[in-house]
Amino acid sequence: MLIITNDEDETAAAVFDLALLPALNHFGIPYRVVDRAEGSLTGFLREAAGVVLAHDGVAASLPAEQWGEIVTAAENGVGAVASEYWLVHR
């Protein structure tokens, strides 16, 4: 599982650290956390069965190139989950 964060949003990143991260550890789900500022996601997505946008604000912070990488991965069978308020309530 590839977990994408936006560490620039300290409040949302703290929610990830306190809520989602403990759940992943509790259920024993293998994961890798990547900050979206690290650049290309393609190498990480090749190894992932799924991708999770870890907290509110991640989707809005992704550049078009990273969105394209996620969409391509999803089209090729990688699961994708986002709990972004603005994606759901448009």
PDB file of N, CA and C in Angstrom:
ATOM      1  N   MET A   1       0.842  -1.160   0.000  1.00  0.00           N
ATOM      2  CA  MET A   1       0.000   0.000   0.000  1.00  0.00           C
ATOM      3  C   MET A   1       0.895   1.232   0.000  1.00  0.00           C
ATOM      4  N   LEU A   2       0.641   2.145  -0.917  1.00  0.00           N
ATOM      5  CA  LEU A   2       1.370   3.406  -0.972  1.00  0.00           C
ATOM      6  C   LEU A   2       0.495   4.474  -0.335  1.00  0.00           C
ATOM      7  N   ILE A   3       1.004   5.119   0.692  1.00  0.00           N
ATOM      8  CA  ILE A   3       0.282   6.167   1.398  1.00  0.00           C
ATOM      9  C   ILE A   3       0.937   7.492   1.036  1.00  0.00           C
ATOM     10  N   ILE A   4       0.178   8.394   0.400  1.00  0.00           N
ATOM     11  CA  ILE A   4       0.717   9.681  -0.014  1.00  0.00           C
ATOM     12  C   ILE A   4       0.251  10.751   0.966  1.00  0.00           C
ATOM     13  N   THR A   5       1.218  11.511   1.494  1.00  0.00           N
ATOM     14  CA  THR A   5       0.914  12.582   2.431  1.00  0.00           C
ATOM     15  C   THR A   5       1.347  13.919   1.852  1.00  0.00           C
ATOM     16  N   ASN A   6       0.917  14.975   2.525  1.00  0.00           N
ATOM     17  CA  ASN A   6       1.384  16.325   2.235  1.00  0.00           C
ATOM     18  C   ASN A   6       1.875  16.888   3.561  1.00  0.00           C
ATOM     19  N   ASP A   7       3.149  16.724   3.825  1.00  0.00           N
ATOM     20  CA  ASP A   7       3.712  17.127   5.110  1.00  0.00           C
ATOM     21  C   ASP A   7       3.707  18.633   5.329  1.00  0.00           C
ATOM     22  N   GLU A   8       3.450  19.412   4.268  1.00  0.00           N
ATOM     23  CA  GLU A   8       3.357  20.866   4.440  1.00  0.00           C
ATOM     24  C   GLU A   8       2.121  21.253   5.248  1.00  0.00           C
ATOM     25  N   ASP A   9       1.086  20.421   5.218  1.00  0.00           N
ATOM     26  CA  ASP A   9      -0.136  20.656   5.991  1.00  0.00           C
ATOM     27  C   ASP A   9       0.021  19.920   7.323  1.00  0.00           C
ATOM     28  N   GLU A  10       0.606  20.602   8.290  1.00  0.00           N
ATOM     29  CA  GLU A  10       0.975  19.956   9.545  1.00  0.00           C
ATOM     30  C   GLU A  10      -0.231  19.417  10.324  1.00  0.00           C
ATOM     31  N   THR A  11      -1.345  20.144  10.297  1.00  0.00           N
ATOM     32  CA  THR A  11      -2.528  19.697  11.042  1.00  0.00           C
ATOM     33  C   THR A  11      -3.090  18.414  10.447  1.00  0.00           C
ATOM     34  N   ALA A  12      -3.265  18.386   9.131  1.00  0.00           N
ATOM     35  CA  ALA A  12      -3.802  17.192   8.480  1.00  0.00           C
ATOM     36  C   ALA A  12      -2.829  16.022   8.604  1.00  0.00           C
ATOM     37  N   ALA A  13      -1.539  16.301   8.505  1.00  0.00           N
ATOM     38  CA  ALA A  13      -0.541  15.238   8.656  1.00  0.00           C
ATOM     39  C   ALA A  13      -0.588  14.660  10.068  1.00  0.00           C
ATOM     40  N   ALA A  14      -0.872  15.498  11.061  1.00  0.00           N
ATOM     41  CA  ALA A  14      -0.985  15.011  12.440  1.00  0.00           C
ATOM     42  C   ALA A  14      -2.180  14.077  12.583  1.00  0.00           C
ATOM     43  N   VAL A  15      -3.287  14.386  11.899  1.00  0.00           N
ATOM     44  CA  VAL A  15      -4.463  13.505  11.929  1.00  0.00           C
ATOM     45  C   VAL A  15      -4.097  12.148  11.331  1.00  0.00           C
ATOM     46  N   PHE A  16      -3.352  12.148  10.236  1.00  0.00           N
ATOM     47  CA  PHE A  16      -2.880  10.902   9.636  1.00  0.00           C
ATOM     48  C   PHE A  16      -2.053  10.108  10.646  1.00  0.00           C
ATOM     49  N   ASP A  17      -1.124  10.787  11.298  1.00  0.00           N
ATOM     50  CA  ASP A  17      -0.256  10.121  12.268  1.00  0.00           C
ATOM     51  C   ASP A  17      -1.038   9.524  13.436  1.00  0.00           C
ATOM     52  N   LEU A  18      -2.127  10.186  13.830  1.00  0.00           N
ATOM     53  CA  LEU A  18      -2.891   9.745  15.004  1.00  0.00           C
ATOM     54  C   LEU A  18      -4.034   8.784  14.677  1.00  0.00           C
ATOM     55  N   ALA A  19      -4.495   8.779  13.439  1.00  0.00           N
ATOM     56  CA  ALA A  19      -5.668   7.963  13.106  1.00  0.00           C
ATOM     57  C   ALA A  19      -5.377   6.848  12.107  1.00  0.00           C
ATOM     58  N   LEU A  20      -4.944   7.184  10.920  1.00  0.00           N
ATOM     59  CA  LEU A  20      -4.757   6.180   9.872  1.00  0.00           C
ATOM     60  C   LEU A  20      -3.534   5.300  10.112  1.00  0.00           C
ATOM     61  N   LEU A  21      -2.436   5.894  10.491  1.00  0.00           N
ATOM     62  CA  LEU A  21      -1.207   5.133  10.695  1.00  0.00           C
ATOM     63  C   LEU A  21      -1.359   4.044  11.762  1.00  0.00           C
ATOM     64  N   PRO A  22      -1.961   4.340  12.922  1.00  0.00           N
ATOM     65  CA  PRO A  22      -2.161   3.267  13.900  1.00  0.00           C
ATOM     66  C   PRO A  22      -3.062   2.142  13.379  1.00  0.00           C
ATOM     67  N   ALA A  23      -4.061   2.478  12.569  1.00  0.00           N
ATOM     68  CA  ALA A  23      -4.950   1.448  12.009  1.00  0.00           C
ATOM     69  C   ALA A  23      -4.178   0.529  11.063  1.00  0.00           C
ATOM     70  N   LEU A  24      -3.341   1.108  10.212  1.00  0.00           N
ATOM     71  CA  LEU A  24      -2.531   0.287   9.300  1.00  0.00           C
ATOM     72  C   LEU A  24      -1.631  -0.661  10.088  1.00  0.00           C
ATOM     73  N   ASN A  25      -1.025  -0.133  11.140  1.00  0.00           N
ATOM     74  CA  ASN A  25      -0.147  -0.968  11.969  1.00  0.00           C
ATOM     75  C   ASN A  25      -0.937  -2.046  12.703  1.00  0.00           C
ATOM     76  N   HIS A  26      -2.094  -1.686  13.231  1.00  0.00           N
ATOM     77  CA  HIS A  26      -2.915  -2.639  13.978  1.00  0.00           C
ATOM     78  C   HIS A  26      -3.338  -3.824  13.101  1.00  0.00           C
ATOM     79  N   PHE A  27      -3.754  -3.525  11.881  1.00  0.00           N
ATOM     80  CA  PHE A  27      -4.226  -4.577  10.987  1.00  0.00           C
ATOM     81  C   PHE A  27      -3.097  -5.265  10.229  1.00  0.00           C
ATOM     82  N   GLY A  28      -1.869  -4.816  10.419  1.00  0.00           N
ATOM     83  CA  GLY A  28      -0.722  -5.463   9.793  1.00  0.00           C
ATOM     84  C   GLY A  28      -0.626  -5.244   8.299  1.00  0.00           C
ATOM     85  N   ILE A  29      -1.169  -4.150   7.827  1.00  0.00           N
ATOM     86  CA  ILE A  29      -1.137  -3.861   6.397  1.00  0.00           C
ATOM     87  C   ILE A  29       0.239  -3.293   6.034  1.00  0.00           C
ATOM     88  N   PRO A  30       0.957  -3.932   5.126  1.00  0.00           N
ATOM     89  CA  PRO A  30       2.261  -3.383   4.719  1.00  0.00           C
ATOM     90  C   PRO A  30       2.060  -2.106   3.911  1.00  0.00           C
ATOM     91  N   TYR A  31       2.864  -1.111   4.204  1.00  0.00           N
ATOM     92  CA  TYR A  31       2.695   0.180   3.543  1.00  0.00           C
ATOM     93  C   TYR A  31       4.024   0.909   3.435  1.00  0.00           C
ATOM     94  N   ARG A  32       4.026   1.904   2.563  1.00  0.00           N
ATOM     95  CA  ARG A  32       5.141   2.841   2.431  1.00  0.00           C
ATOM     96  C   ARG A  32       4.542   4.236   2.393  1.00  0.00           C
ATOM     97  N   VAL A  33       5.038   5.127   3.228  1.00  0.00           N
ATOM     98  CA  VAL A  33       4.564   6.514   3.265  1.00  0.00           C
ATOM     99  C   VAL A  33       5.495   7.368   2.417  1.00  0.00           C
ATOM    100  N   VAL A  34       4.893   8.158   1.507  1.00  0.00           N
ATOM    101  CA  VAL A  34       5.658   9.041   0.636  1.00  0.00           C
ATOM    102  C   VAL A  34       5.026  10.432   0.687  1.00  0.00           C
ATOM    103  N   ASP A  35       5.846  11.434   0.934  1.00  0.00           N
ATOM    104  CA  ASP A  35       5.363  12.816   0.875  1.00  0.00           C
ATOM    105  C   ASP A  35       5.268  13.228  -0.588  1.00  0.00           C
ATOM    106  N   ARG A  36       4.196  13.881  -0.951  1.00  0.00           N
ATOM    107  CA  ARG A  36       3.992  14.243  -2.360  1.00  0.00           C
ATOM    108  C   ARG A  36       5.089  15.155  -2.875  1.00  0.00           C
ATOM    109  N   ALA A  37       5.816  15.819  -2.014  1.00  0.00           N
ATOM    110  CA  ALA A  37       6.896  16.709  -2.437  1.00  0.00           C
ATOM    111  C   ALA A  37       8.125  15.944  -2.935  1.00  0.00           C
ATOM    112  N   GLU A  38       8.140  14.620  -2.770  1.00  0.00           N
ATOM    113  CA  GLU A  38       9.295  13.828  -3.207  1.00  0.00           C
ATOM    114  C   GLU A  38       9.398  13.712  -4.722  1.00  0.00           C
ATOM    115  N   GLY A  39       8.373  14.139  -5.451  1.00  0.00           N
ATOM    116  CA  GLY A  39       8.444  14.100  -6.909  1.00  0.00           C
ATOM    117  C   GLY A  39       7.687  12.927  -7.497  1.00  0.00           C
ATOM    118  N   SER A  40       8.243  12.328  -8.527  1.00  0.00           N
ATOM    119  CA  SER A  40       7.567  11.263  -9.261  1.00  0.00           C
ATOM    120  C   SER A  40       7.171  10.106  -8.345  1.00  0.00           C
ATOM    121  N   LEU A  41       5.957   9.590  -8.585  1.00  0.00           N
ATOM    122  CA  LEU A  41       5.432   8.466  -7.807  1.00  0.00           C
ATOM    123  C   LEU A  41       5.525   7.152  -8.561  1.00  0.00           C
ATOM    124  N   THR A  42       5.912   7.193  -9.833  1.00  0.00           N
ATOM    125  CA  THR A  42       5.856   6.016 -10.690  1.00  0.00           C
ATOM    126  C   THR A  42       6.591   4.822 -10.099  1.00  0.00           C
ATOM    127  N   GLY A  43       7.793   5.007  -9.611  1.00  0.00           N
ATOM    128  CA  GLY A  43       8.551   3.897  -9.034  1.00  0.00           C
ATOM    129  C   GLY A  43       7.843   3.273  -7.849  1.00  0.00           C
ATOM    130  N   PHE A  44       7.250   4.114  -7.000  1.00  0.00           N
ATOM    131  CA  PHE A  44       6.516   3.615  -5.842  1.00  0.00           C
ATOM    132  C   PHE A  44       5.230   2.911  -6.265  1.00  0.00           C
ATOM    133  N   LEU A  45       4.554   3.457  -7.273  1.00  0.00           N
ATOM    134  CA  LEU A  45       3.282   2.885  -7.723  1.00  0.00           C
ATOM    135  C   LEU A  45       3.468   1.530  -8.386  1.00  0.00           C
ATOM    136  N   ARG A  46       4.619   1.300  -9.002  1.00  0.00           N
ATOM    137  CA  ARG A  46       4.879  -0.007  -9.632  1.00  0.00           C
ATOM    138  C   ARG A  46       4.857  -1.134  -8.615  1.00  0.00           C
ATOM    139  N   GLU A  47       5.221  -0.836  -7.385  1.00  0.00           N
ATOM    140  CA  GLU A  47       5.313  -1.846  -6.333  1.00  0.00           C
ATOM    141  C   GLU A  47       4.060  -1.915  -5.472  1.00  0.00           C
ATOM    142  N   ALA A  48       3.075  -1.057  -5.718  1.00  0.00           N
ATOM    143  CA  ALA A  48       1.921  -0.938  -4.820  1.00  0.00           C
ATOM    144  C   ALA A  48       0.688  -1.656  -5.365  1.00  0.00           C
ATOM    145  N   ALA A  49      -0.049  -2.277  -4.457  1.00  0.00           N
ATOM    146  CA  ALA A  49      -1.347  -2.852  -4.817  1.00  0.00           C
ATOM    147  C   ALA A  49      -2.440  -1.802  -4.712  1.00  0.00           C
ATOM    148  N   GLY A  50      -2.165  -0.770  -3.911  1.00  0.00           N
ATOM    149  CA  GLY A  50      -3.138   0.289  -3.721  1.00  0.00           C
ATOM    150  C   GLY A  50      -2.455   1.576  -3.326  1.00  0.00           C
ATOM    151  N   VAL A  51      -3.162   2.679  -3.517  1.00  0.00           N
ATOM    152  CA  VAL A  51      -2.656   3.992  -3.130  1.00  0.00           C
ATOM    153  C   VAL A  51      -3.744   4.698  -2.323  1.00  0.00           C
ATOM    154  N   VAL A  52      -3.334   5.340  -1.238  1.00  0.00           N
ATOM    155  CA  VAL A  52      -4.254   6.066  -0.368  1.00  0.00           C
ATOM    156  C   VAL A  52      -3.748   7.498  -0.236  1.00  0.00           C
ATOM    157  N   LEU A  53      -4.629   8.454  -0.527  1.00  0.00           N
ATOM    158  CA  LEU A  53      -4.312   9.849  -0.238  1.00  0.00           C
ATOM    159  C   LEU A  53      -4.643  10.028   1.237  1.00  0.00           C
ATOM    160  N   ALA A  54      -3.622  10.192   2.059  1.00  0.00           N
ATOM    161  CA  ALA A  54      -3.690   9.958   3.496  1.00  0.00           C
ATOM    162  C   ALA A  54      -4.566  10.914   4.297  1.00  0.00           C
ATOM    163  N   HIS A  55      -4.773  12.112   3.809  1.00  0.00           N
ATOM    164  CA  HIS A  55      -5.551  13.066   4.591  1.00  0.00           C
ATOM    165  C   HIS A  55      -6.078  14.166   3.691  1.00  0.00           C
ATOM    166  N   ASP A  56      -7.027  14.922   4.223  1.00  0.00           N
ATOM    167  CA  ASP A  56      -7.605  16.037   3.481  1.00  0.00           C
ATOM    168  C   ASP A  56      -6.485  16.988   3.063  1.00  0.00           C
ATOM    169  N   GLY A  57      -6.519  17.425   1.837  1.00  0.00           N
ATOM    170  CA  GLY A  57      -5.526  18.357   1.332  1.00  0.00           C
ATOM    171  C   GLY A  57      -4.468  17.731   0.438  1.00  0.00           C
ATOM    172  N   VAL A  58      -4.332  16.419   0.472  1.00  0.00           N
ATOM    173  CA  VAL A  58      -3.322  15.772  -0.366  1.00  0.00           C
ATOM    174  C   VAL A  58      -3.696  15.924  -1.840  1.00  0.00           C
ATOM    175  N   ALA A  59      -4.926  15.614  -2.190  1.00  0.00           N
ATOM    176  CA  ALA A  59      -5.343  15.676  -3.595  1.00  0.00           C
ATOM    177  C   ALA A  59      -5.152  17.072  -4.174  1.00  0.00           C
ATOM    178  N   ALA A  60      -5.539  18.084  -3.419  1.00  0.00           N
ATOM    179  CA  ALA A  60      -5.421  19.459  -3.908  1.00  0.00           C
ATOM    180  C   ALA A  60      -3.968  19.877  -4.091  1.00  0.00           C
ATOM    181  N   SER A  61      -3.056  19.233  -3.376  1.00  0.00           N
ATOM    182  CA  SER A  61      -1.644  19.611  -3.455  1.00  0.00           C
ATOM    183  C   SER A  61      -0.875  18.872  -4.545  1.00  0.00           C
ATOM    184  N   LEU A  62      -1.494  17.861  -5.158  1.00  0.00           N
ATOM    185  CA  LEU A  62      -0.780  17.070  -6.166  1.00  0.00           C
ATOM    186  C   LEU A  62      -0.658  17.828  -7.485  1.00  0.00           C
ATOM    187  N   PRO A  63       0.539  17.882  -8.042  1.00  0.00           N
ATOM    188  CA  PRO A  63       0.681  18.460  -9.377  1.00  0.00           C
ATOM    189  C   PRO A  63       0.078  17.521 -10.431  1.00  0.00           C
ATOM    190  N   ALA A  64      -0.193  18.060 -11.598  1.00  0.00           N
ATOM    191  CA  ALA A  64      -0.824  17.286 -12.671  1.00  0.00           C
ATOM    192  C   ALA A  64      -0.040  16.015 -12.996  1.00  0.00           C
ATOM    193  N   GLU A  65       1.279  16.078 -12.960  1.00  0.00           N
ATOM    194  CA  GLU A  65       2.096  14.905 -13.284  1.00  0.00           C
ATOM    195  C   GLU A  65       1.805  13.756 -12.313  1.00  0.00           C
ATOM    196  N   GLN A  66       1.716  14.058 -11.021  1.00  0.00           N
ATOM    197  CA  GLN A  66       1.443  13.003 -10.042  1.00  0.00           C
ATOM    198  C   GLN A  66       0.016  12.475 -10.176  1.00  0.00           C
ATOM    199  N   TRP A  67      -0.943  13.362 -10.472  1.00  0.00           N
ATOM    200  CA  TRP A  67      -2.311  12.887 -10.721  1.00  0.00           C
ATOM    201  C   TRP A  67      -2.309  11.912 -11.891  1.00  0.00           C
ATOM    202  N   GLY A  68      -1.586  12.262 -12.945  1.00  0.00           N
ATOM    203  CA  GLY A  68      -1.504  11.387 -14.110  1.00  0.00           C
ATOM    204  C   GLY A  68      -0.913  10.027 -13.767  1.00  0.00           C
ATOM    205  N   GLU A  69       0.101  10.005 -12.918  1.00  0.00           N
ATOM    206  CA  GLU A  69       0.707   8.741 -12.500  1.00  0.00           C
ATOM    207  C   GLU A  69      -0.286   7.892 -11.713  1.00  0.00           C
ATOM    208  N   ILE A  70      -1.055   8.528 -10.844  1.00  0.00           N
ATOM    209  CA  ILE A  70      -2.048   7.801 -10.045  1.00  0.00           C
ATOM    210  C   ILE A  70      -3.164   7.266 -10.937  1.00  0.00           C
ATOM    211  N   VAL A  71      -3.651   8.083 -11.861  1.00  0.00           N
ATOM    212  CA  VAL A  71      -4.713   7.652 -12.777  1.00  0.00           C
ATOM    213  C   VAL A  71      -4.236   6.485 -13.633  1.00  0.00           C
ATOM    214  N   THR A  72      -3.024   6.568 -14.166  1.00  0.00           N
ATOM    215  CA  THR A  72      -2.471   5.478 -14.976  1.00  0.00           C
ATOM    216  C   THR A  72      -2.363   4.197 -14.153  1.00  0.00           C
ATOM    217  N   ALA A  73      -1.879   4.320 -12.920  1.00  0.00           N
ATOM    218  CA  ALA A  73      -1.765   3.143 -12.047  1.00  0.00           C
ATOM    219  C   ALA A  73      -3.135   2.537 -11.780  1.00  0.00           C
ATOM    220  N   ALA A  74      -4.137   3.390 -11.519  1.00  0.00           N
ATOM    221  CA  ALA A  74      -5.498   2.897 -11.265  1.00  0.00           C
ATOM    222  C   ALA A  74      -6.071   2.205 -12.501  1.00  0.00           C
ATOM    223  N   GLU A  75      -5.817   2.759 -13.665  1.00  0.00           N
ATOM    224  CA  GLU A  75      -6.283   2.131 -14.910  1.00  0.00           C
ATOM    225  C   GLU A  75      -5.624   0.773 -15.125  1.00  0.00           C
ATOM    226  N   ASN A  76      -4.440   0.587 -14.541  1.00  0.00           N
ATOM    227  CA  ASN A  76      -3.715  -0.678 -14.671  1.00  0.00           C
ATOM    228  C   ASN A  76      -3.960  -1.616 -13.497  1.00  0.00           C
ATOM    229  N   GLY A  77      -4.944  -1.300 -12.658  1.00  0.00           N
ATOM    230  CA  GLY A  77      -5.342  -2.226 -11.605  1.00  0.00           C
ATOM    231  C   GLY A  77      -4.968  -1.875 -10.181  1.00  0.00           C
ATOM    232  N   VAL A  78      -4.238  -0.800  -9.972  1.00  0.00           N
ATOM    233  CA  VAL A  78      -3.901  -0.386  -8.609  1.00  0.00           C
ATOM    234  C   VAL A  78      -5.139   0.247  -7.985  1.00  0.00           C
ATOM    235  N   GLY A  79      -5.483  -0.193  -6.786  1.00  0.00           N
ATOM    236  CA  GLY A  79      -6.622   0.403  -6.084  1.00  0.00           C
ATOM    237  C   GLY A  79      -6.278   1.808  -5.628  1.00  0.00           C
ATOM    238  N   ALA A  80      -7.280   2.679  -5.563  1.00  0.00           N
ATOM    239  CA  ALA A  80      -7.044   4.065  -5.150  1.00  0.00           C
ATOM    240  C   ALA A  80      -8.152   4.512  -4.206  1.00  0.00           C
ATOM    241  N   VAL A  81      -7.752   5.150  -3.099  1.00  0.00           N
ATOM    242  CA  VAL A  81      -8.707   5.645  -2.108  1.00  0.00           C
ATOM    243  C   VAL A  81      -8.337   7.074  -1.746  1.00  0.00           C
ATOM    244  N   ALA A  82      -9.337   7.944  -1.735  1.00  0.00           N
ATOM    245  CA  ALA A  82      -9.144   9.327  -1.294  1.00  0.00           C
ATOM    246  C   ALA A  82     -10.354   9.728  -0.470  1.00  0.00           C
ATOM    247  N   SER A  83     -10.097  10.324   0.661  1.00  0.00           N
ATOM    248  CA  SER A  83     -11.202  10.777   1.505  1.00  0.00           C
ATOM    249  C   SER A  83     -11.260  12.297   1.541  1.00  0.00           C
ATOM    250  N   GLU A  84     -10.951  12.877   0.429  1.00  0.00           N
ATOM    251  CA  GLU A  84     -10.936  14.335   0.311  1.00  0.00           C
ATOM    252  C   GLU A  84     -12.349  14.889   0.283  1.00  0.00           C
ATOM    253  N   TYR A  85     -12.635  15.802   1.155  1.00  0.00           N
ATOM    254  CA  TYR A  85     -13.958  16.413   1.233  1.00  0.00           C
ATOM    255  C   TYR A  85     -14.350  17.059  -0.094  1.00  0.00           C
ATOM    256  N   TRP A  86     -13.435  17.801  -0.707  1.00  0.00           N
ATOM    257  CA  TRP A  86     -13.772  18.534  -1.922  1.00  0.00           C
ATOM    258  C   TRP A  86     -13.984  17.618  -3.121  1.00  0.00           C
ATOM    259  N   LEU A  87     -13.428  16.414  -3.119  1.00  0.00           N
ATOM    260  CA  LEU A  87     -13.669  15.473  -4.219  1.00  0.00           C
ATOM    261  C   LEU A  87     -15.073  14.879  -4.143  1.00  0.00           C
ATOM    262  N   VAL A  88     -15.568  14.738  -2.924  1.00  0.00           N
ATOM    263  CA  VAL A  88     -16.875  14.106  -2.717  1.00  0.00           C
ATOM    264  C   VAL A  88     -18.012  15.117  -2.773  1.00  0.00           C
ATOM    265  N   HIS A  89     -17.778  16.336  -2.317  1.00  0.00           N
ATOM    266  CA  HIS A  89     -18.825  17.346  -2.190  1.00  0.00           C
ATOM    267  C   HIS A  89     -18.642  18.479  -3.188  1.00  0.00           C
ATOM    268  N   ARG A  90     -18.729  18.174  -4.425  1.00  0.00           N
ATOM    269  CA  ARG A  90     -18.601  19.196  -5.475  1.00  0.00           C
ATOM    270  C   ARG A  90     -19.947  19.650  -5.927  1.00  0.00           C
TER     271      ARG A  90
END
